[in-house]
């Protein structure tokens, strides 16, 4: 199923909300696992059915320009005996997309009672 360009699905909205929350907490960049924990805290945890779901959504958000990413220095990961992490950062376009998604959600919610009254 294709969706309209720029339309965010719930997991993508949750990821962008998590990125905003983390930035407000002083973290401008965050790795995927940390995002997953925050997403689960913000939204219904069942939306994140698997980490593969998260990373596919992160990839889509980056392709759309809503997130930017970078790989950490390999020497840091080697020093800590773990794989390298990819860090994600919310872009200005991502902030706009989240604001648009929230506005669309508010508009849809505001229209529901009116539609029910017409029946």
PDB file of N, CA and C in Angstrom:
ATOM      1  N   UNK A   1       0.844  -1.177   0.000  1.00  0.00           N
ATOM      2  CA  UNK A   1       0.000   0.000   0.000  1.00  0.00           C
ATOM      3  C   UNK A   1       0.892   1.245   0.000  1.00  0.00           C
ATOM      4  N   UNK A   2       0.623   2.148  -0.918  1.00  0.00           N
ATOM      5  CA  UNK A   2       1.368   3.403  -0.987  1.00  0.00           C
ATOM      6  C   UNK A   2       0.651   4.453  -0.148  1.00  0.00           C
ATOM      7  N   UNK A   3       1.441   5.354   0.369  1.00  0.00           N
ATOM      8  CA  UNK A   3       0.833   6.436   1.131  1.00  0.00           C
ATOM      9  C   UNK A   3       1.280   7.762   0.554  1.00  0.00           C
ATOM     10  N   UNK A   4       0.570   8.787   0.881  1.00  0.00           N
ATOM     11  CA  UNK A   4       0.864  10.111   0.366  1.00  0.00           C
ATOM     12  C   UNK A   4       2.223  10.576   0.902  1.00  0.00           C
ATOM     13  N   UNK A   5       3.018  11.181   0.023  1.00  0.00           N
ATOM     14  CA  UNK A   5       4.335  11.686   0.427  1.00  0.00           C
ATOM     15  C   UNK A   5       4.183  12.668   1.581  1.00  0.00           C
ATOM     16  N   UNK A   6       5.036  12.527   2.561  1.00  0.00           N
ATOM     17  CA  UNK A   6       5.010  13.417   3.714  1.00  0.00           C
ATOM     18  C   UNK A   6       4.032  13.015   4.793  1.00  0.00           C
ATOM     19  N   UNK A   7       3.179  12.026   4.539  1.00  0.00           N
ATOM     20  CA  UNK A   7       2.222  11.554   5.534  1.00  0.00           C
ATOM     21  C   UNK A   7       2.953  10.650   6.521  1.00  0.00           C
ATOM     22  N   UNK A   8       2.784  10.905   7.787  1.00  0.00           N
ATOM     23  CA  UNK A   8       3.457  10.131   8.824  1.00  0.00           C
ATOM     24  C   UNK A   8       2.513   9.085   9.414  1.00  0.00           C
ATOM     25  N   UNK A   9       3.040   7.880   9.581  1.00  0.00           N
ATOM     26  CA  UNK A   9       2.278   6.838  10.264  1.00  0.00           C
ATOM     27  C   UNK A   9       2.567   6.953  11.765  1.00  0.00           C
ATOM     28  N   UNK A  10       1.769   6.322  12.605  1.00  0.00           N
ATOM     29  CA  UNK A  10       1.914   6.508  14.059  1.00  0.00           C
ATOM     30  C   UNK A  10       3.326   6.257  14.608  1.00  0.00           C
ATOM     31  N   UNK A  11       4.025   5.224  14.145  1.00  0.00           N
ATOM     32  CA  UNK A  11       5.373   4.972  14.684  1.00  0.00           C
ATOM     33  C   UNK A  11       6.317   6.117  14.328  1.00  0.00           C
ATOM     34  N   UNK A  12       6.136   6.717  13.151  1.00  0.00           N
ATOM     35  CA  UNK A  12       6.990   7.832  12.743  1.00  0.00           C
ATOM     36  C   UNK A  12       6.695   9.077  13.581  1.00  0.00           C
ATOM     37  N   UNK A  13       5.427   9.312  13.857  1.00  0.00           N
ATOM     38  CA  UNK A  13       5.060  10.433  14.733  1.00  0.00           C
ATOM     39  C   UNK A  13       5.676  10.219  16.114  1.00  0.00           C
ATOM     40  N   UNK A  14       5.583   8.997  16.620  1.00  0.00           N
ATOM     41  CA  UNK A  14       6.141   8.686  17.946  1.00  0.00           C
ATOM     42  C   UNK A  14       7.658   8.900  17.970  1.00  0.00           C
ATOM     43  N   UNK A  15       8.342   8.525  16.903  1.00  0.00           N
ATOM     44  CA  UNK A  15       9.799   8.719  16.835  1.00  0.00           C
ATOM     45  C   UNK A  15      10.137  10.204  16.852  1.00  0.00           C
ATOM     46  N   UNK A  16       9.421  10.986  16.062  1.00  0.00           N
ATOM     47  CA  UNK A  16       9.683  12.430  16.040  1.00  0.00           C
ATOM     48  C   UNK A  16       9.350  13.067  17.389  1.00  0.00           C
ATOM     49  N   UNK A  17       8.266  12.616  18.029  1.00  0.00           N
ATOM     50  CA  UNK A  17       7.935  13.120  19.367  1.00  0.00           C
ATOM     51  C   UNK A  17       9.044  12.771  20.359  1.00  0.00           C
ATOM     52  N   UNK A  18       9.575  11.565  20.255  1.00  0.00           N
ATOM     53  CA  UNK A  18      10.666  11.146  21.142  1.00  0.00           C
ATOM     54  C   UNK A  18      11.902  12.007  20.906  1.00  0.00           C
ATOM     55  N   UNK A  19      12.200  12.295  19.650  1.00  0.00           N
ATOM     56  CA  UNK A  19      13.362  13.134  19.332  1.00  0.00           C
ATOM     57  C   UNK A  19      13.199  14.532  19.920  1.00  0.00           C
ATOM     58  N   UNK A  20      11.988  15.064  19.857  1.00  0.00           N
ATOM     59  CA  UNK A  20      11.713  16.382  20.453  1.00  0.00           C
ATOM     60  C   UNK A  20      11.893  16.316  21.970  1.00  0.00           C
ATOM     61  N   UNK A  21      11.319  15.294  22.604  1.00  0.00           N
ATOM     62  CA  UNK A  21      11.422  15.147  24.063  1.00  0.00           C
ATOM     63  C   UNK A  21      12.883  15.017  24.497  1.00  0.00           C
ATOM     64  N   UNK A  22      13.652  14.230  23.764  1.00  0.00           N
ATOM     65  CA  UNK A  22      15.063  14.048  24.115  1.00  0.00           C
ATOM     66  C   UNK A  22      15.861  15.340  23.914  1.00  0.00           C
ATOM     67  N   UNK A  23      15.537  16.074  22.857  1.00  0.00           N
ATOM     68  CA  UNK A  23      16.229  17.349  22.638  1.00  0.00           C
ATOM     69  C   UNK A  23      15.926  18.307  23.773  1.00  0.00           C
ATOM     70  N   UNK A  24      14.672  18.351  24.221  1.00  0.00           N
ATOM     71  CA  UNK A  24      14.313  19.220  25.354  1.00  0.00           C
ATOM     72  C   UNK A  24      15.043  18.803  26.623  1.00  0.00           C
ATOM     73  N   UNK A  25      15.380  17.509  26.711  1.00  0.00           N
ATOM     74  CA  UNK A  25      16.112  16.999  27.874  1.00  0.00           C
ATOM     75  C   UNK A  25      17.622  17.175  27.709  1.00  0.00           C
ATOM     76  N   UNK A  26      18.046  17.801  26.608  1.00  0.00           N
ATOM     77  CA  UNK A  26      19.462  18.094  26.425  1.00  0.00           C
ATOM     78  C   UNK A  26      20.210  17.149  25.502  1.00  0.00           C
ATOM     79  N   UNK A  27      19.522  16.201  24.872  1.00  0.00           N
ATOM     80  CA  UNK A  27      20.174  15.271  23.953  1.00  0.00           C
ATOM     81  C   UNK A  27      19.784  15.632  22.519  1.00  0.00           C
ATOM     82  N   UNK A  28      20.698  16.279  21.806  1.00  0.00           N
ATOM     83  CA  UNK A  28      20.371  16.669  20.432  1.00  0.00           C
ATOM     84  C   UNK A  28      20.492  15.494  19.471  1.00  0.00           C
ATOM     85  N   UNK A  29      21.304  14.511  19.826  1.00  0.00           N
ATOM     86  CA  UNK A  29      21.458  13.295  19.028  1.00  0.00           C
ATOM     87  C   UNK A  29      21.199  12.093  19.923  1.00  0.00           C
ATOM     88  N   UNK A  30      20.633  11.051  19.327  1.00  0.00           N
ATOM     89  CA  UNK A  30      20.319   9.864  20.127  1.00  0.00           C
ATOM     90  C   UNK A  30      20.403   8.632  19.244  1.00  0.00           C
ATOM     91  N   UNK A  31      20.851   7.521  19.825  1.00  0.00           N
ATOM     92  CA  UNK A  31      20.926   6.281  19.048  1.00  0.00           C
ATOM     93  C   UNK A  31      19.572   5.570  19.087  1.00  0.00           C
ATOM     94  N   UNK A  32      19.401   4.616  18.189  1.00  0.00           N
ATOM     95  CA  UNK A  32      18.121   3.945  17.994  1.00  0.00           C
ATOM     96  C   UNK A  32      17.557   3.285  19.239  1.00  0.00           C
ATOM     97  N   UNK A  33      18.409   2.617  20.013  1.00  0.00           N
ATOM     98  CA  UNK A  33      17.916   1.925  21.210  1.00  0.00           C
ATOM     99  C   UNK A  33      17.320   2.920  22.210  1.00  0.00           C
ATOM    100  N   UNK A  34      17.986   4.049  22.379  1.00  0.00           N
ATOM    101  CA  UNK A  34      17.473   5.079  23.293  1.00  0.00           C
ATOM    102  C   UNK A  34      16.141   5.626  22.775  1.00  0.00           C
ATOM    103  N   UNK A  35      16.063   5.845  21.468  1.00  0.00           N
ATOM    104  CA  UNK A  35      14.794   6.290  20.876  1.00  0.00           C
ATOM    105  C   UNK A  35      13.690   5.279  21.141  1.00  0.00           C
ATOM    106  N   UNK A  36      14.011   4.001  20.982  1.00  0.00           N
ATOM    107  CA  UNK A  36      13.018   2.941  21.204  1.00  0.00           C
ATOM    108  C   UNK A  36      12.468   3.006  22.629  1.00  0.00           C
ATOM    109  N   UNK A  37      13.340   3.205  23.599  1.00  0.00           N
ATOM    110  CA  UNK A  37      12.889   3.279  24.992  1.00  0.00           C
ATOM    111  C   UNK A  37      11.960   4.474  25.206  1.00  0.00           C
ATOM    112  N   UNK A  38      12.302   5.599  24.618  1.00  0.00           N
ATOM    113  CA  UNK A  38      11.479   6.797  24.793  1.00  0.00           C
ATOM    114  C   UNK A  38      10.149   6.645  24.056  1.00  0.00           C
ATOM    115  N   UNK A  39      10.182   6.067  22.853  1.00  0.00           N
ATOM    116  CA  UNK A  39       8.945   5.828  22.097  1.00  0.00           C
ATOM    117  C   UNK A  39       7.997   4.965  22.922  1.00  0.00           C
ATOM    118  N   UNK A  40       8.518   3.943  23.534  1.00  0.00           N
ATOM    119  CA  UNK A  40       7.675   3.065  24.351  1.00  0.00           C
ATOM    120  C   UNK A  40       7.088   3.799  25.543  1.00  0.00           C
ATOM    121  N   UNK A  41       7.810   4.782  26.049  1.00  0.00           N
ATOM    122  CA  UNK A  41       7.295   5.569  27.165  1.00  0.00           C
ATOM    123  C   UNK A  41       6.249   6.586  26.750  1.00  0.00           C
ATOM    124  N   UNK A  42       6.368   7.101  25.520  1.00  0.00           N
ATOM    125  CA  UNK A  42       5.445   8.127  25.040  1.00  0.00           C
ATOM    126  C   UNK A  42       4.157   7.511  24.512  1.00  0.00           C
ATOM    127  N   UNK A  43       4.302   6.453  23.758  1.00  0.00           N
ATOM    128  CA  UNK A  43       3.170   5.830  23.077  1.00  0.00           C
ATOM    129  C   UNK A  43       2.935   4.425  23.599  1.00  0.00           C
ATOM    130  N   UNK A  44       1.852   3.867  23.197  1.00  0.00           N
ATOM    131  CA  UNK A  44       1.517   2.479  23.501  1.00  0.00           C
ATOM    132  C   UNK A  44       2.671   1.586  23.044  1.00  0.00           C
ATOM    133  N   UNK A  45       3.264   0.852  23.949  1.00  0.00           N
ATOM    134  CA  UNK A  45       4.449   0.041  23.654  1.00  0.00           C
ATOM    135  C   UNK A  45       4.203  -1.003  22.572  1.00  0.00           C
ATOM    136  N   UNK A  46       2.973  -1.401  22.356  1.00  0.00           N
ATOM    137  CA  UNK A  46       2.709  -2.421  21.336  1.00  0.00           C
ATOM    138  C   UNK A  46       2.926  -1.895  19.931  1.00  0.00           C
ATOM    139  N   UNK A  47       2.985  -0.585  19.749  1.00  0.00           N
ATOM    140  CA  UNK A  47       3.256  -0.043  18.416  1.00  0.00           C
ATOM    141  C   UNK A  47       4.656  -0.389  17.949  1.00  0.00           C
ATOM    142  N   UNK A  48       5.551  -0.579  18.867  1.00  0.00           N
ATOM    143  CA  UNK A  48       6.920  -0.932  18.519  1.00  0.00           C
ATOM    144  C   UNK A  48       7.026  -2.445  18.646  1.00  0.00           C
ATOM    145  N   UNK A  49       6.582  -3.146  17.626  1.00  0.00           N
ATOM    146  CA  UNK A  49       6.490  -4.601  17.705  1.00  0.00           C
ATOM    147  C   UNK A  49       7.848  -5.278  17.633  1.00  0.00           C
ATOM    148  N   UNK A  50       8.793  -4.646  16.979  1.00  0.00           N
ATOM    149  CA  UNK A  50      10.141  -5.206  16.859  1.00  0.00           C
ATOM    150  C   UNK A  50      11.095  -4.072  16.522  1.00  0.00           C
ATOM    151  N   UNK A  51      12.347  -4.264  16.871  1.00  0.00           N
ATOM    152  CA  UNK A  51      13.309  -3.203  16.565  1.00  0.00           C
ATOM    153  C   UNK A  51      13.482  -3.032  15.068  1.00  0.00           C
ATOM    154  N   UNK A  52      13.193  -4.066  14.272  1.00  0.00           N
ATOM    155  CA  UNK A  52      13.225  -3.926  12.819  1.00  0.00           C
ATOM    156  C   UNK A  52      12.223  -2.881  12.355  1.00  0.00           C
ATOM    157  N   UNK A  53      11.071  -2.833  13.022  1.00  0.00           N
ATOM    158  CA  UNK A  53      10.057  -1.831  12.712  1.00  0.00           C
ATOM    159  C   UNK A  53      10.608  -0.440  12.963  1.00  0.00           C
ATOM    160  N   UNK A  54      11.288  -0.270  14.074  1.00  0.00           N
ATOM    161  CA  UNK A  54      11.876   1.020  14.423  1.00  0.00           C
ATOM    162  C   UNK A  54      12.894   1.449  13.377  1.00  0.00           C
ATOM    163  N   UNK A  55      13.808   0.566  13.027  1.00  0.00           N
ATOM    164  CA  UNK A  55      14.885   0.946  12.118  1.00  0.00           C
ATOM    165  C   UNK A  55      14.386   1.188  10.697  1.00  0.00           C
ATOM    166  N   UNK A  56      13.347   0.498  10.276  1.00  0.00           N
ATOM    167  CA  UNK A  56      12.741   0.795   8.970  1.00  0.00           C
ATOM    168  C   UNK A  56      12.115   2.188   9.000  1.00  0.00           C
ATOM    169  N   UNK A  57      11.450   2.516  10.086  1.00  0.00           N
ATOM    170  CA  UNK A  57      10.837   3.843  10.216  1.00  0.00           C
ATOM    171  C   UNK A  57      11.914   4.929  10.275  1.00  0.00           C
ATOM    172  N   UNK A  58      12.999   4.671  10.997  1.00  0.00           N
ATOM    173  CA  UNK A  58      14.102   5.641  11.047  1.00  0.00           C
ATOM    174  C   UNK A  58      14.667   5.888   9.651  1.00  0.00           C
ATOM    175  N   UNK A  59      14.805   4.829   8.888  1.00  0.00           N
ATOM    176  CA  UNK A  59      15.317   4.949   7.522  1.00  0.00           C
ATOM    177  C   UNK A  59      14.382   5.790   6.657  1.00  0.00           C
ATOM    178  N   UNK A  60      13.073   5.547   6.765  1.00  0.00           N
ATOM    179  CA  UNK A  60      12.099   6.341   5.996  1.00  0.00           C
ATOM    180  C   UNK A  60      12.164   7.810   6.394  1.00  0.00           C
ATOM    181  N   UNK A  61      12.233   8.071   7.704  1.00  0.00           N
ATOM    182  CA  UNK A  61      12.283   9.454   8.182  1.00  0.00           C
ATOM    183  C   UNK A  61      13.544  10.157   7.703  1.00  0.00           C
ATOM    184  N   UNK A  62      14.628   9.426   7.640  1.00  0.00           N
ATOM    185  CA  UNK A  62      15.868  10.026   7.145  1.00  0.00           C
ATOM    186  C   UNK A  62      15.767  10.302   5.645  1.00  0.00           C
ATOM    187  N   UNK A  63      15.207   9.357   4.886  1.00  0.00           N
ATOM    188  CA  UNK A  63      15.029   9.564   3.442  1.00  0.00           C
ATOM    189  C   UNK A  63      14.176  10.797   3.152  1.00  0.00           C
ATOM    190  N   UNK A  64      13.165  11.018   3.987  1.00  0.00           N
ATOM    191  CA  UNK A  64      12.278  12.173   3.818  1.00  0.00           C
ATOM    192  C   UNK A  64      12.943  13.478   4.272  1.00  0.00           C
ATOM    193  N   UNK A  65      14.074  13.377   4.960  1.00  0.00           N
ATOM    194  CA  UNK A  65      14.758  14.575   5.444  1.00  0.00           C
ATOM    195  C   UNK A  65      14.291  15.028   6.811  1.00  0.00           C
ATOM    196  N   UNK A  66      13.506  14.184   7.503  1.00  0.00           N
ATOM    197  CA  UNK A  66      12.972  14.547   8.812  1.00  0.00           C
ATOM    198  C   UNK A  66      13.966  14.254   9.937  1.00  0.00           C
ATOM    199  N   UNK A  67      14.890  13.354   9.675  1.00  0.00           N
ATOM    200  CA  UNK A  67      15.987  13.041  10.599  1.00  0.00           C
ATOM    201  C   UNK A  67      17.285  13.065   9.806  1.00  0.00           C
ATOM    202  N   UNK A  68      18.359  13.360  10.506  1.00  0.00           N
ATOM    203  CA  UNK A  68      19.707  13.225   9.939  1.00  0.00           C
ATOM    204  C   UNK A  68      20.442  12.246  10.845  1.00  0.00           C
ATOM    205  N   UNK A  69      21.414  11.532  10.307  1.00  0.00           N
ATOM    206  CA  UNK A  69      22.126  10.571  11.146  1.00  0.00           C
ATOM    207  C   UNK A  69      23.621  10.605  10.854  1.00  0.00           C
ATOM    208  N   UNK A  70      24.357  10.039  11.782  1.00  0.00           N
ATOM    209  CA  UNK A  70      25.808   9.866  11.624  1.00  0.00           C
ATOM    210  C   UNK A  70      26.222   8.649  12.426  1.00  0.00           C
ATOM    211  N   UNK A  71      27.279   8.004  11.971  1.00  0.00           N
ATOM    212  CA  UNK A  71      27.850   6.887  12.720  1.00  0.00           C
ATOM    213  C   UNK A  71      28.847   7.433  13.723  1.00  0.00           C
ATOM    214  N   UNK A  72      28.883   6.841  14.887  1.00  0.00           N
ATOM    215  CA  UNK A  72      29.851   7.278  15.889  1.00  0.00           C
ATOM    216  C   UNK A  72      31.254   6.835  15.486  1.00  0.00           C
ATOM    217  N   UNK A  73      32.218   7.396  16.129  1.00  0.00           N
ATOM    218  CA  UNK A  73      33.621   7.067  15.892  1.00  0.00           C
ATOM    219  C   UNK A  73      33.851   5.583  16.213  1.00  0.00           C
ATOM    220  N   UNK A  74      34.390   4.819  15.260  1.00  0.00           N
ATOM    221  CA  UNK A  74      34.589   3.386  15.504  1.00  0.00           C
ATOM    222  C   UNK A  74      35.539   3.091  16.669  1.00  0.00           C
ATOM    223  N   UNK A  75      36.465   3.998  16.925  1.00  0.00           N
ATOM    224  CA  UNK A  75      37.403   3.748  18.027  1.00  0.00           C
ATOM    225  C   UNK A  75      36.698   3.801  19.387  1.00  0.00           C
ATOM    226  N   UNK A  76      35.679   4.635  19.500  1.00  0.00           N
ATOM    227  CA  UNK A  76      34.920   4.695  20.758  1.00  0.00           C
ATOM    228  C   UNK A  76      34.200   3.373  21.004  1.00  0.00           C
ATOM    229  N   UNK A  77      33.551   2.858  19.972  1.00  0.00           N
ATOM    230  CA  UNK A  77      32.855   1.573  20.106  1.00  0.00           C
ATOM    231  C   UNK A  77      33.843   0.460  20.427  1.00  0.00           C
ATOM    232  N   UNK A  78      35.004   0.473  19.773  1.00  0.00           N
ATOM    233  CA  UNK A  78      36.017  -0.560  20.023  1.00  0.00           C
ATOM    234  C   UNK A  78      36.530  -0.476  21.456  1.00  0.00           C
ATOM    235  N   UNK A  79      36.713   0.732  21.951  1.00  0.00           N
ATOM    236  CA  UNK A  79      37.162   0.921  23.326  1.00  0.00           C
ATOM    237  C   UNK A  79      36.168   0.330  24.318  1.00  0.00           C
ATOM    238  N   UNK A  80      34.883   0.435  23.991  1.00  0.00           N
ATOM    239  CA  UNK A  80      33.827  -0.075  24.870  1.00  0.00           C
ATOM    240  C   UNK A  80      33.407  -1.501  24.494  1.00  0.00           C
ATOM    241  N   UNK A  81      34.106  -2.124  23.551  1.00  0.00           N
ATOM    242  CA  UNK A  81      33.840  -3.513  23.111  1.00  0.00           C
ATOM    243  C   UNK A  81      32.379  -3.742  22.720  1.00  0.00           C
ATOM    244  N   UNK A  82      31.898  -2.883  21.842  1.00  0.00           N
ATOM    245  CA  UNK A  82      30.526  -3.009  21.357  1.00  0.00           C
ATOM    246  C   UNK A  82      30.465  -2.528  19.913  1.00  0.00           C
ATOM    247  N   UNK A  83      29.363  -2.836  19.223  1.00  0.00           N
ATOM    248  CA  UNK A  83      29.202  -2.345  17.847  1.00  0.00           C
ATOM    249  C   UNK A  83      29.040  -0.817  17.821  1.00  0.00           C
ATOM    250  N   UNK A  84      29.347  -0.231  16.684  1.00  0.00           N
ATOM    251  CA  UNK A  84      29.139   1.216  16.523  1.00  0.00           C
ATOM    252  C   UNK A  84      27.652   1.537  16.578  1.00  0.00           C
ATOM    253  N   UNK A  85      27.359   2.735  17.023  1.00  0.00           N
ATOM    254  CA  UNK A  85      25.978   3.215  17.091  1.00  0.00           C
ATOM    255  C   UNK A  85      25.755   4.263  16.003  1.00  0.00           C
ATOM    256  N   UNK A  86      24.541   4.308  15.537  1.00  0.00           N
ATOM    257  CA  UNK A  86      24.151   5.358  14.605  1.00  0.00           C
ATOM    258  C   UNK A  86      23.320   6.354  15.404  1.00  0.00           C
ATOM    259  N   UNK A  87      23.690   7.615  15.322  1.00  0.00           N
ATOM    260  CA  UNK A  87      22.990   8.661  16.063  1.00  0.00           C
ATOM    261  C   UNK A  87      22.087   9.454  15.135  1.00  0.00           C
ATOM    262  N   UNK A  88      20.892   9.744  15.627  1.00  0.00           N
ATOM    263  CA  UNK A  88      19.880  10.457  14.851  1.00  0.00           C
ATOM    264  C   UNK A  88      19.614  11.816  15.472  1.00  0.00           C
ATOM    265  N   UNK A  89      19.323  12.768  14.597  1.00  0.00           N
ATOM    266  CA  UNK A  89      19.038  14.143  15.024  1.00  0.00           C
ATOM    267  C   UNK A  89      17.816  14.639  14.259  1.00  0.00           C
ATOM    268  N   UNK A  90      16.894  15.286  14.950  1.00  0.00           N
ATOM    269  CA  UNK A  90      15.702  15.861  14.346  1.00  0.00           C
ATOM    270  C   UNK A  90      16.106  17.063  13.507  1.00  0.00           C
ATOM    271  N   UNK A  91      15.567  17.168  12.292  1.00  0.00           N
ATOM    272  CA  UNK A  91      15.854  18.305  11.419  1.00  0.00           C
ATOM    273  C   UNK A  91      14.710  19.315  11.501  1.00  0.00           C
ATOM    274  N   UNK A  92      14.923  20.472  10.916  1.00  0.00           N
ATOM    275  CA  UNK A  92      13.872  21.489  10.845  1.00  0.00           C
ATOM    276  C   UNK A  92      12.681  20.932  10.071  1.00  0.00           C
ATOM    277  N   UNK A  93      12.950  20.186   9.002  1.00  0.00           N
ATOM    278  CA  UNK A  93      11.879  19.570   8.222  1.00  0.00           C
ATOM    279  C   UNK A  93      11.104  18.562   9.072  1.00  0.00           C
ATOM    280  N   UNK A  94      11.804  17.848   9.945  1.00  0.00           N
ATOM    281  CA  UNK A  94      11.153  16.908  10.846  1.00  0.00           C
ATOM    282  C   UNK A  94      10.247  17.604  11.843  1.00  0.00           C
ATOM    283  N   UNK A  95      10.704  18.752  12.343  1.00  0.00           N
ATOM    284  CA  UNK A  95       9.867  19.534  13.261  1.00  0.00           C
ATOM    285  C   UNK A  95       8.594  19.980  12.557  1.00  0.00           C
ATOM    286  N   UNK A  96       8.745  20.441  11.305  1.00  0.00           N
ATOM    287  CA  UNK A  96       7.571  20.868  10.531  1.00  0.00           C
ATOM    288  C   UNK A  96       6.628  19.699  10.275  1.00  0.00           C
ATOM    289  N   UNK A  97       7.187  18.556   9.897  1.00  0.00           N
ATOM    290  CA  UNK A  97       6.360  17.377   9.613  1.00  0.00           C
ATOM    291  C   UNK A  97       5.584  16.956  10.859  1.00  0.00           C
ATOM    292  N   UNK A  98       6.232  17.003  12.012  1.00  0.00           N
ATOM    293  CA  UNK A  98       5.549  16.650  13.261  1.00  0.00           C
ATOM    294  C   UNK A  98       4.443  17.659  13.565  1.00  0.00           C
ATOM    295  N   UNK A  99       4.730  18.937  13.394  1.00  0.00           N
ATOM    296  CA  UNK A  99       3.705  19.963  13.628  1.00  0.00           C
ATOM    297  C   UNK A  99       2.527  19.762  12.682  1.00  0.00           C
ATOM    298  N   UNK A 100       2.804  19.444  11.421  1.00  0.00           N
ATOM    299  CA  UNK A 100       1.730  19.194  10.447  1.00  0.00           C
ATOM    300  C   UNK A 100       0.910  17.967  10.836  1.00  0.00           C
ATOM    301  N   UNK A 101       1.595  16.910  11.277  1.00  0.00           N
ATOM    302  CA  UNK A 101       0.892  15.685  11.681  1.00  0.00           C
ATOM    303  C   UNK A 101       0.004  15.942  12.890  1.00  0.00           C
ATOM    304  N   UNK A 102       0.510  16.707  13.836  1.00  0.00           N
ATOM    305  CA  UNK A 102      -0.294  17.038  15.019  1.00  0.00           C
ATOM    306  C   UNK A 102      -1.497  17.882  14.636  1.00  0.00           C
ATOM    307  N   UNK A 103      -1.295  18.853  13.729  1.00  0.00           N
ATOM    308  CA  UNK A 103      -2.399  19.710  13.282  1.00  0.00           C
ATOM    309  C   UNK A 103      -3.453  18.876  12.556  1.00  0.00           C
ATOM    310  N   UNK A 104      -3.017  17.958  11.705  1.00  0.00           N
ATOM    311  CA  UNK A 104      -3.957  17.096  10.985  1.00  0.00           C
ATOM    312  C   UNK A 104      -4.732  16.219  11.963  1.00  0.00           C
ATOM    313  N   UNK A 105      -4.043  15.734  13.004  1.00  0.00           N
ATOM    314  CA  UNK A 105      -4.706  14.902  14.017  1.00  0.00           C
ATOM    315  C   UNK A 105      -5.751  15.715  14.780  1.00  0.00           C
ATOM    316  N   UNK A 106      -5.399  16.950  15.127  1.00  0.00           N
ATOM    317  CA  UNK A 106      -6.358  17.821  15.827  1.00  0.00           C
ATOM    318  C   UNK A 106      -7.563  18.116  14.933  1.00  0.00           C
ATOM    319  N   UNK A 107      -7.295  18.358  13.654  1.00  0.00           N
ATOM    320  CA  UNK A 107      -8.374  18.655  12.707  1.00  0.00           C
ATOM    321  C   UNK A 107      -9.309  17.454  12.562  1.00  0.00           C
ATOM    322  N   UNK A 108      -8.727  16.271  12.453  1.00  0.00           N
ATOM    323  CA  UNK A 108      -9.521  15.046  12.337  1.00  0.00           C
ATOM    324  C   UNK A 108     -10.355  14.828  13.594  1.00  0.00           C
ATOM    325  N   UNK A 109      -9.744  15.036  14.748  1.00  0.00           N
ATOM    326  CA  UNK A 109     -10.443  14.864  16.023  1.00  0.00           C
ATOM    327  C   UNK A 109     -11.574  15.869  16.155  1.00  0.00           C
ATOM    328  N   UNK A 110     -11.344  17.102  15.721  1.00  0.00           N
ATOM    329  CA  UNK A 110     -12.373  18.142  15.815  1.00  0.00           C
ATOM    330  C   UNK A 110     -13.543  17.851  14.888  1.00  0.00           C
ATOM    331  N   UNK A 111     -13.288  17.196  13.760  1.00  0.00           N
ATOM    332  CA  UNK A 111     -14.345  16.899  12.798  1.00  0.00           C
ATOM    333  C   UNK A 111     -15.185  15.687  13.193  1.00  0.00           C
ATOM    334  N   UNK A 112     -14.639  14.791  13.981  1.00  0.00           N
ATOM    335  CA  UNK A 112     -15.367  13.572  14.354  1.00  0.00           C
ATOM    336  C   UNK A 112     -16.691  13.845  15.058  1.00  0.00           C
ATOM    337  N   UNK A 113     -16.720  14.681  16.084  1.00  0.00           N
ATOM    338  CA  UNK A 113     -18.015  14.926  16.754  1.00  0.00           C
ATOM    339  C   UNK A 113     -19.044  15.533  15.815  1.00  0.00           C
ATOM    340  N   UNK A 114     -18.618  16.402  14.926  1.00  0.00           N
ATOM    341  CA  UNK A 114     -19.534  17.027  13.988  1.00  0.00           C
ATOM    342  C   UNK A 114     -20.111  15.993  13.049  1.00  0.00           C
ATOM    343  N   UNK A 115     -19.304  15.062  12.591  1.00  0.00           N
ATOM    344  CA  UNK A 115     -19.773  14.012  11.683  1.00  0.00           C
ATOM    345  C   UNK A 115     -20.755  13.094  12.408  1.00  0.00           C
ATOM    346  N   UNK A 116     -20.522  12.815  13.670  1.00  0.00           N
ATOM    347  CA  UNK A 116     -21.407  11.940  14.440  1.00  0.00           C
ATOM    348  C   UNK A 116     -22.762  12.606  14.670  1.00  0.00           C
ATOM    349  N   UNK A 117     -22.776  13.933  14.822  1.00  0.00           N
ATOM    350  CA  UNK A 117     -24.010  14.657  15.068  1.00  0.00           C
ATOM    351  C   UNK A 117     -24.896  14.666  13.831  1.00  0.00           C
ATOM    352  N   UNK A 118     -24.315  14.581  12.641  1.00  0.00           N
ATOM    353  CA  UNK A 118     -25.062  14.620  11.396  1.00  0.00           C
ATOM    354  C   UNK A 118     -25.854  13.334  11.201  1.00  0.00           C
ATOM    355  N   UNK A 119     -25.358  12.219  11.708  1.00  0.00           N
ATOM    356  CA  UNK A 119     -26.012  10.907  11.523  1.00  0.00           C
ATOM    357  C   UNK A 119     -27.336  10.849  12.113  1.00  0.00           C
TER     358      UNK A 119
END
